[in-house]
Amino acid sequence: MDAPDTVTEALDLLAREGYEVEFQFHSGRLMCDQASCTVEDAEVERVMRFEGPSDPGDEMIVFGIRDPGTGIRGRFASAFGSSADPEILDHLVGLASRFSVEVDSEGRQVFRPR
């Protein structure tokens, strides 16, 4: 399957791949009704980053995350860059740093685990 072009497509793709819950960020933790883990403990299995077509500063990042304590897999999306919430951004930088960035043959960013 082609890489998603939008955040909505990325979230739908992750849902089809078994990332069934939506994680929310609160006080340094990724939480849903069934699970809660620190950002540092979250197992990041997928990451996709998007820039707005008219404003490169309009960035979003989407993660496919597994809670190591329960095995629950879910999605987490957030603004990234200048429009991000500073509290969330500090944690997202740590998550994103677990990956190296490559550019595929179509010019899209591909994140690979380090």
Foldseek 3Di string as FASTA:
>chain_A
DDDDQDPVVVQVVLCVVQQPFEWDDDPQWTDDPVDIDGLVQKDWDAKFKHADPVGNQFIKMKTFTARVVPRRTHMYMATEHPPGDVVVNVSVVVVQVQWDWDADPVRGTGTDGD
